[in-house]
Amino acid sequence: MTGRSRVRVWTTGVVALMVLAAASCAPAATNPDGSVPQNGPASGHGMIQDGTEVLQADLFAGQILRFNPDTGVISERYSMNEGLCRPDDLALLPGGDLVATCPTQGLVIRVHRGGTATVLANVGSGVNPIVVDPSGTSVLVGFTYGSDDRLLRIPLDGSPVQVVASGLPALAGFGFGPDGKLYVPTGGLNGSLGAGGVGRIDISTGVLTQLPLSFPFEPGKSGFDFASGVDVSSDGTIFVAQAFNAAAYAVNPTTGVATLVGTSSAGIADNILALTDGRVLLSGFVGGSVTVFTPSGPGYSTSVLAVGI
């Protein structure tokens, strides 16, 4: 059994158990009086900013939540009652619709504002990271576990799926930089013992280039303990979620110098989001809290935000 296959068996088993445990956690989209239930998520996965709010995927409970990053109040939620599969990551389209990946079911779905979901493509289990293509006419998806090593382009008009790159390592939450390159965490679960890295993919050629990382403020460290997500701010800074020994890092895209933003009590981190106001959010693999890193002087202050109740 290859390393990638072992990761697939382990990950599929863990996710299946957590999904069973959370199967009854997702409430309806609204209460009888029209208000939005404030039940927190069972798990915190992919996040994306929409104006002053944040949308978050909750794979274990099979729902998508919209919450205020200042208060944690949930203003909107979509669940399997609206036709969702179990989303792990999501992308926001220019018109306000969402596109989400459901790795346990192998689906990429389009979620129309109001919650109605339709299947864009069935690409196989393990599909996870997703981002809108710069053209705005398609989304790019990768695979976190399983045997599929491709980066795929899925047109929004239903045209055939295209292969952008192949022979890639296991990928997780990724994002475009201002240079037009796709920045990706590398190493997957096999990189859990300090071998996690960051790469950039030129989507015009499909070539992946690994960034040479250095940790000048952490002697002896040469990589991340499972890099599980990447987001890139408008100035090009690469923010990385370290899943084990949960933490957020900032990486200089030119030098590869990685600086600790802050640590989290989440246990296992999952994904990361750089807000336009400078704050950085780090989601936890389990539970309804988000760690918030707020710029303060030369560094960041740390707080914990409970999403919902």
Protein backbone atom coordinates (compact mmCIF):
# COMPACT_ATOMS: atom_id res chain seq x y z
CA MET A 1 0.00 0.00 0.00
CA THR A 2 1.42 3.37 -1.02
CA GLY A 3 1.70 6.33 1.35
CA ARG A 4 -1.07 8.12 -0.51
CA SER A 5 -3.32 5.03 -0.24
CA ARG A 6 -2.65 4.76 3.51
CA VAL A 7 -3.64 8.40 3.88
CA ARG A 8 -6.84 7.71 1.96
CA VAL A 9 -7.83 4.78 4.19
CA TRP A 10 -7.03 6.69 7.40
CA THR A 11 -8.74 9.91 6.30
CA THR A 12 -11.84 8.18 4.91
CA GLY A 13 -12.26 6.21 8.14
CA VAL A 14 -11.90 9.23 10.40
CA VAL A 15 -14.25 11.37 8.32
CA ALA A 16 -16.85 8.59 8.13
CA LEU A 17 -16.90 8.24 11.92
CA MET A 18 -17.19 11.99 12.43
CA VAL A 19 -19.96 12.27 9.84
CA LEU A 20 -21.95 9.56 11.60
CA ALA A 21 -21.49 11.31 14.93
CA ALA A 22 -22.66 14.63 13.51
CA ALA A 23 -25.42 13.30 11.27
CA SER A 24 -28.21 14.83 13.32
CA CYS A 25 -26.43 18.10 14.23
CA ALA A 26 -27.53 20.34 11.38
CA PRO A 27 -30.79 22.17 12.08
CA ALA A 28 -33.14 23.54 9.44
CA ALA A 29 -32.15 26.74 7.64
CA THR A 30 -34.68 28.77 9.63
CA ASN A 31 -36.79 28.41 12.76
CA PRO A 32 -40.60 28.43 12.50
CA ASP A 33 -40.55 32.16 13.26
CA GLY A 34 -38.14 32.83 10.38
CA SER A 35 -35.06 33.43 12.53
CA VAL A 36 -31.80 31.59 11.83
CA PRO A 37 -30.84 28.84 14.32
CA GLN A 38 -27.62 29.68 16.14
CA ASN A 39 -26.41 26.10 16.61
CA GLY A 40 -22.66 26.16 16.06
CA PRO A 41 -20.93 24.02 13.42
CA ALA A 42 -19.81 20.46 14.16
CA SER A 43 -16.58 21.11 12.27
CA GLY A 44 -14.80 24.10 10.77
CA HIS A 45 -13.49 23.59 7.25
CA GLY A 46 -13.12 25.87 4.23
CA MET A 47 -13.88 29.59 4.73
CA ILE A 48 -14.34 32.49 2.34
CA GLN A 49 -15.10 36.17 2.87
CA ASP A 50 -18.24 37.75 1.41
CA GLY A 51 -18.36 41.45 2.20
CA THR A 52 -18.30 41.86 5.97
CA GLU A 53 -19.27 38.23 6.62
CA VAL A 54 -17.63 34.82 6.35
CA LEU A 55 -19.01 31.65 4.79
CA GLN A 56 -17.83 28.35 6.26
CA ALA A 57 -18.23 24.73 5.21
CA ASP A 58 -19.13 22.13 7.86
CA LEU A 59 -18.50 18.68 6.40
CA PHE A 60 -19.47 16.68 9.46
CA ALA A 61 -22.93 18.22 9.79
CA GLY A 62 -23.43 18.72 6.04
CA GLN A 63 -24.02 22.46 6.03
CA ILE A 64 -22.73 25.90 5.02
CA LEU A 65 -22.93 28.78 7.50
CA ARG A 66 -22.66 32.54 7.04
CA PHE A 67 -21.43 34.32 10.16
CA ASN A 68 -20.23 37.70 11.40
CA PRO A 69 -16.46 37.53 12.16
CA ASP A 70 -16.89 40.21 14.87
CA THR A 71 -19.71 38.55 16.84
CA GLY A 72 -20.00 34.95 15.61
CA VAL A 73 -23.73 35.44 14.94
CA ILE A 74 -24.99 33.17 12.15
CA SER A 75 -27.10 35.03 9.59
CA GLU A 76 -27.69 32.26 7.05
CA ARG A 77 -27.33 28.51 6.81
CA TYR A 78 -27.83 25.86 4.13
CA SER A 79 -27.99 22.17 4.95
CA MET A 80 -28.82 18.83 3.40
CA ASN A 81 -32.45 19.87 3.81
CA GLU A 82 -31.73 22.23 0.88
CA GLY A 83 -30.03 19.49 -1.16
CA LEU A 84 -26.43 19.93 -0.04
CA CYS A 85 -23.95 17.10 0.05
CA ARG A 86 -21.29 17.28 2.80
CA PRO A 87 -19.14 20.31 1.87
CA ASP A 88 -15.49 20.63 2.88
CA ASP A 89 -14.39 23.69 0.92
CA LEU A 90 -16.16 26.43 -1.01
CA ALA A 91 -15.70 29.28 -3.45
CA LEU A 92 -17.77 32.42 -4.04
CA LEU A 93 -18.83 33.26 -7.59
CA PRO A 94 -19.11 36.86 -8.83
CA GLY A 95 -22.92 36.70 -8.84
CA GLY A 96 -23.17 35.49 -5.24
CA ASP A 97 -23.63 31.75 -5.81
CA LEU A 98 -21.31 29.28 -4.09
CA VAL A 99 -19.49 26.26 -5.45
CA ALA A 100 -18.50 23.60 -2.94
CA THR A 101 -16.63 20.31 -2.88
CA CYS A 102 -17.90 17.22 -1.08
CA PRO A 103 -14.93 14.82 -0.77
CA THR A 104 -16.73 11.84 0.74
CA GLN A 105 -19.21 11.87 -2.16
CA GLY A 106 -16.82 13.04 -4.88
CA LEU A 107 -19.13 15.87 -5.93
CA VAL A 108 -18.67 19.50 -6.92
CA ILE A 109 -21.94 21.39 -6.41
CA ARG A 110 -23.27 24.84 -7.15
CA VAL A 111 -25.28 26.37 -4.31
CA HIS A 112 -27.64 29.09 -5.45
CA ARG A 113 -28.41 31.94 -3.06
CA GLY A 114 -31.32 30.60 -1.05
CA GLY A 115 -29.82 27.14 -0.72
CA THR A 116 -30.87 25.13 -3.78
CA ALA A 117 -27.94 22.94 -4.83
CA THR A 118 -27.18 21.36 -8.20
CA VAL A 119 -24.33 19.03 -9.17
CA LEU A 120 -21.70 20.54 -11.47
CA ALA A 121 -19.51 17.43 -11.69
CA ASN A 122 -18.81 14.06 -10.12
CA VAL A 123 -15.00 13.82 -10.11
CA GLY A 124 -14.38 11.14 -7.48
CA SER A 125 -13.74 10.89 -3.75
CA GLY A 126 -11.09 13.05 -2.16
CA VAL A 127 -11.93 16.22 -4.10
CA ASN A 128 -11.41 19.05 -1.66
CA PRO A 129 -9.68 22.42 -2.34
CA ILE A 130 -11.53 24.77 -4.66
CA VAL A 131 -11.04 28.28 -6.00
CA VAL A 132 -12.65 30.38 -8.73
CA ASP A 133 -10.56 30.50 -11.90
CA PRO A 134 -9.35 34.05 -12.71
CA SER A 135 -11.62 34.01 -15.78
CA GLY A 136 -14.67 33.70 -13.51
CA THR A 137 -16.13 31.08 -15.85
CA SER A 138 -14.92 27.97 -14.04
CA VAL A 139 -13.54 26.64 -10.77
CA LEU A 140 -10.32 24.74 -10.07
CA VAL A 141 -10.37 21.73 -7.74
CA GLY A 142 -7.72 19.41 -6.32
CA PHE A 143 -7.60 16.21 -4.29
CA THR A 144 -6.51 15.80 -0.68
CA TYR A 145 -6.61 12.01 -0.48
CA GLY A 146 -7.07 9.08 -2.81
CA SER A 147 -5.18 8.18 -5.96
CA ASP A 148 -6.16 11.23 -8.04
CA ASP A 149 -3.18 13.57 -8.44
CA ARG A 150 -4.74 16.11 -10.80
CA LEU A 151 -5.79 19.75 -10.71
CA LEU A 152 -9.06 20.05 -12.61
CA ARG A 153 -10.91 22.94 -14.23
CA ILE A 154 -14.69 22.62 -14.02
CA PRO A 155 -16.58 25.04 -16.32
CA LEU A 156 -19.67 26.60 -14.77
CA ASP A 157 -21.64 26.17 -18.02
CA GLY A 158 -21.48 22.36 -17.85
CA SER A 159 -18.75 21.94 -20.47
CA PRO A 160 -16.37 18.96 -20.08
CA VAL A 161 -13.95 18.94 -17.15
CA GLN A 162 -10.37 19.83 -18.13
CA VAL A 163 -7.06 18.68 -16.64
CA VAL A 164 -4.84 21.63 -15.68
CA ALA A 165 -2.03 19.61 -14.09
CA SER A 166 -1.26 16.04 -13.03
CA GLY A 167 1.34 14.23 -10.97
CA LEU A 168 0.72 16.61 -8.07
CA PRO A 169 1.12 15.87 -4.37
CA ALA A 170 -1.92 15.74 -2.10
CA LEU A 171 -3.44 19.22 -2.06
CA ALA A 172 -5.57 21.07 0.50
CA GLY A 173 -7.14 24.55 0.72
CA PHE A 174 -5.44 26.80 -1.84
CA GLY A 175 -5.69 30.30 -3.26
CA PHE A 176 -4.43 32.64 -5.96
CA GLY A 177 -1.80 35.28 -5.29
CA PRO A 178 -1.70 38.72 -6.88
CA ASP A 179 0.90 37.31 -9.30
CA GLY A 180 -1.74 34.99 -10.81
CA LYS A 181 -0.07 31.83 -9.45
CA LEU A 182 -2.02 29.27 -7.43
CA TYR A 183 -0.46 28.78 -3.99
CA VAL A 184 -0.95 25.34 -2.47
CA PRO A 185 -0.02 23.51 0.74
CA THR A 186 2.00 20.39 -0.02
CA GLY A 187 2.88 17.21 1.83
CA GLY A 188 -0.62 16.27 2.91
CA LEU A 189 -0.96 14.03 5.94
CA ASN A 190 2.36 12.41 5.05
CA GLY A 191 3.93 15.78 5.86
CA SER A 192 2.63 15.72 9.42
CA LEU A 193 6.07 15.46 11.02
CA GLY A 194 7.57 18.71 9.82
CA ALA A 195 7.60 17.93 6.11
CA GLY A 196 4.71 20.16 5.04
CA GLY A 197 5.47 22.85 2.50
CA VAL A 198 4.08 25.45 0.13
CA GLY A 199 4.17 25.41 -3.66
CA ARG A 200 2.97 27.58 -6.51
CA ILE A 201 1.31 26.27 -9.65
CA ASP A 202 1.41 28.11 -12.94
CA ILE A 203 -2.05 27.19 -14.26
CA SER A 204 -1.02 28.07 -17.83
CA THR A 205 1.60 25.29 -17.84
CA GLY A 206 0.58 23.06 -14.94
CA VAL A 207 4.08 23.30 -13.45
CA LEU A 208 4.39 23.13 -9.65
CA THR A 209 7.34 24.92 -8.04
CA GLN A 210 8.11 24.24 -4.39
CA LEU A 211 8.99 27.30 -2.29
CA PRO A 212 12.20 26.90 -0.28
CA LEU A 213 11.06 27.59 3.28
CA SER A 214 13.09 28.82 6.23
CA PHE A 215 12.09 29.37 9.86
CA PRO A 216 14.74 31.78 11.23
CA PHE A 217 12.85 32.27 14.50
CA GLU A 218 12.36 28.53 15.12
CA PRO A 219 15.76 26.79 14.99
CA GLY A 220 15.56 23.21 13.80
CA LYS A 221 12.21 23.64 12.02
CA SER A 222 12.28 23.08 8.27
CA GLY A 223 8.61 22.56 7.39
CA PHE A 224 5.04 22.55 8.68
CA ASP A 225 3.40 19.85 10.76
CA PHE A 226 0.81 19.10 8.06
CA ALA A 227 0.10 22.22 6.00
CA SER A 228 -3.68 21.96 5.66
CA GLY A 229 -4.63 25.25 4.05
CA VAL A 230 -3.30 28.38 2.33
CA ASP A 231 -4.72 31.83 1.70
CA VAL A 232 -2.95 34.79 0.11
CA SER A 233 -3.52 38.40 1.13
CA SER A 234 -3.69 41.30 -1.32
CA ASP A 235 -0.03 42.18 -0.64
CA GLY A 236 1.08 38.65 -1.59
CA THR A 237 1.74 37.30 1.93
CA ILE A 238 1.03 33.57 2.05
CA PHE A 239 -0.84 32.52 5.18
CA VAL A 240 -0.57 28.82 6.04
CA ALA A 241 -2.66 26.69 8.40
CA GLN A 242 -0.54 24.14 10.29
CA ALA A 243 -2.95 21.35 11.25
CA PHE A 244 -0.94 19.57 13.96
CA ASN A 245 0.41 21.78 16.74
CA ALA A 246 -2.32 24.08 15.42
CA ALA A 247 -0.92 27.40 14.27
CA ALA A 248 -0.99 30.06 11.58
CA TYR A 249 2.12 31.17 9.70
CA ALA A 250 2.92 34.04 7.35
CA VAL A 251 5.29 33.22 4.48
CA ASN A 252 7.13 35.79 2.39
CA PRO A 253 6.53 34.69 -1.25
CA THR A 254 9.92 36.05 -2.37
CA THR A 255 12.23 34.77 0.36
CA GLY A 256 10.27 31.80 1.73
CA VAL A 257 10.79 33.05 5.30
CA ALA A 258 8.00 31.67 7.49
CA THR A 259 6.99 33.59 10.61
CA LEU A 260 4.62 32.35 13.30
CA VAL A 261 1.43 34.43 13.41
CA GLY A 262 0.09 32.61 16.45
CA THR A 263 -0.98 29.28 17.90
CA SER A 264 -4.45 27.88 18.48
CA SER A 265 -6.07 25.71 21.11
CA ALA A 266 -8.19 24.08 18.40
CA GLY A 267 -6.33 20.77 18.71
CA ILE A 268 -6.18 20.22 14.94
CA ALA A 269 -6.48 23.22 12.62
CA ASP A 270 -8.10 22.89 9.22
CA ASN A 271 -8.19 26.01 7.07
CA ILE A 272 -7.16 29.64 7.03
CA LEU A 273 -8.65 32.91 5.77
CA ALA A 274 -6.97 36.30 5.43
CA LEU A 275 -9.65 38.98 5.82
CA THR A 276 -9.36 42.25 3.95
CA ASP A 277 -9.10 44.16 7.26
CA GLY A 278 -5.85 42.33 8.11
CA ARG A 279 -7.24 39.76 10.53
CA VAL A 280 -6.48 36.08 9.97
CA LEU A 281 -8.99 33.33 10.84
CA LEU A 282 -7.95 29.75 11.60
CA SER A 283 -10.67 27.08 11.68
CA GLY A 284 -10.56 23.90 13.75
CA PHE A 285 -11.07 20.41 12.34
CA VAL A 286 -13.70 19.77 15.05
CA GLY A 287 -15.97 22.17 16.90
CA GLY A 288 -17.53 25.56 16.39
CA SER A 289 -14.76 27.99 17.31
CA VAL A 290 -12.47 30.04 15.09
CA THR A 291 -9.13 31.44 16.25
CA VAL A 292 -8.76 35.10 15.28
CA PHE A 293 -5.36 36.76 14.86
CA THR A 294 -5.60 40.56 14.84
CA PRO A 295 -2.69 42.81 13.77
CA SER A 296 -1.18 44.40 16.86
CA GLY A 297 2.10 46.30 16.72
CA PRO A 298 4.74 44.18 14.97
CA GLY A 299 2.71 40.98 15.46
CA TYR A 300 -0.78 39.73 16.19
CA SER A 301 -3.03 39.35 19.20
CA THR A 302 -5.03 36.12 19.56
CA SER A 303 -8.66 35.58 20.48
CA VAL A 304 -11.24 32.82 20.09
CA LEU A 305 -14.58 33.42 18.36
CA ALA A 306 -17.48 31.05 18.98
CA VAL A 307 -19.58 30.64 15.83
CA GLY A 308 -23.24 30.55 16.84
CA ILE A 309 -24.08 29.40 20.33
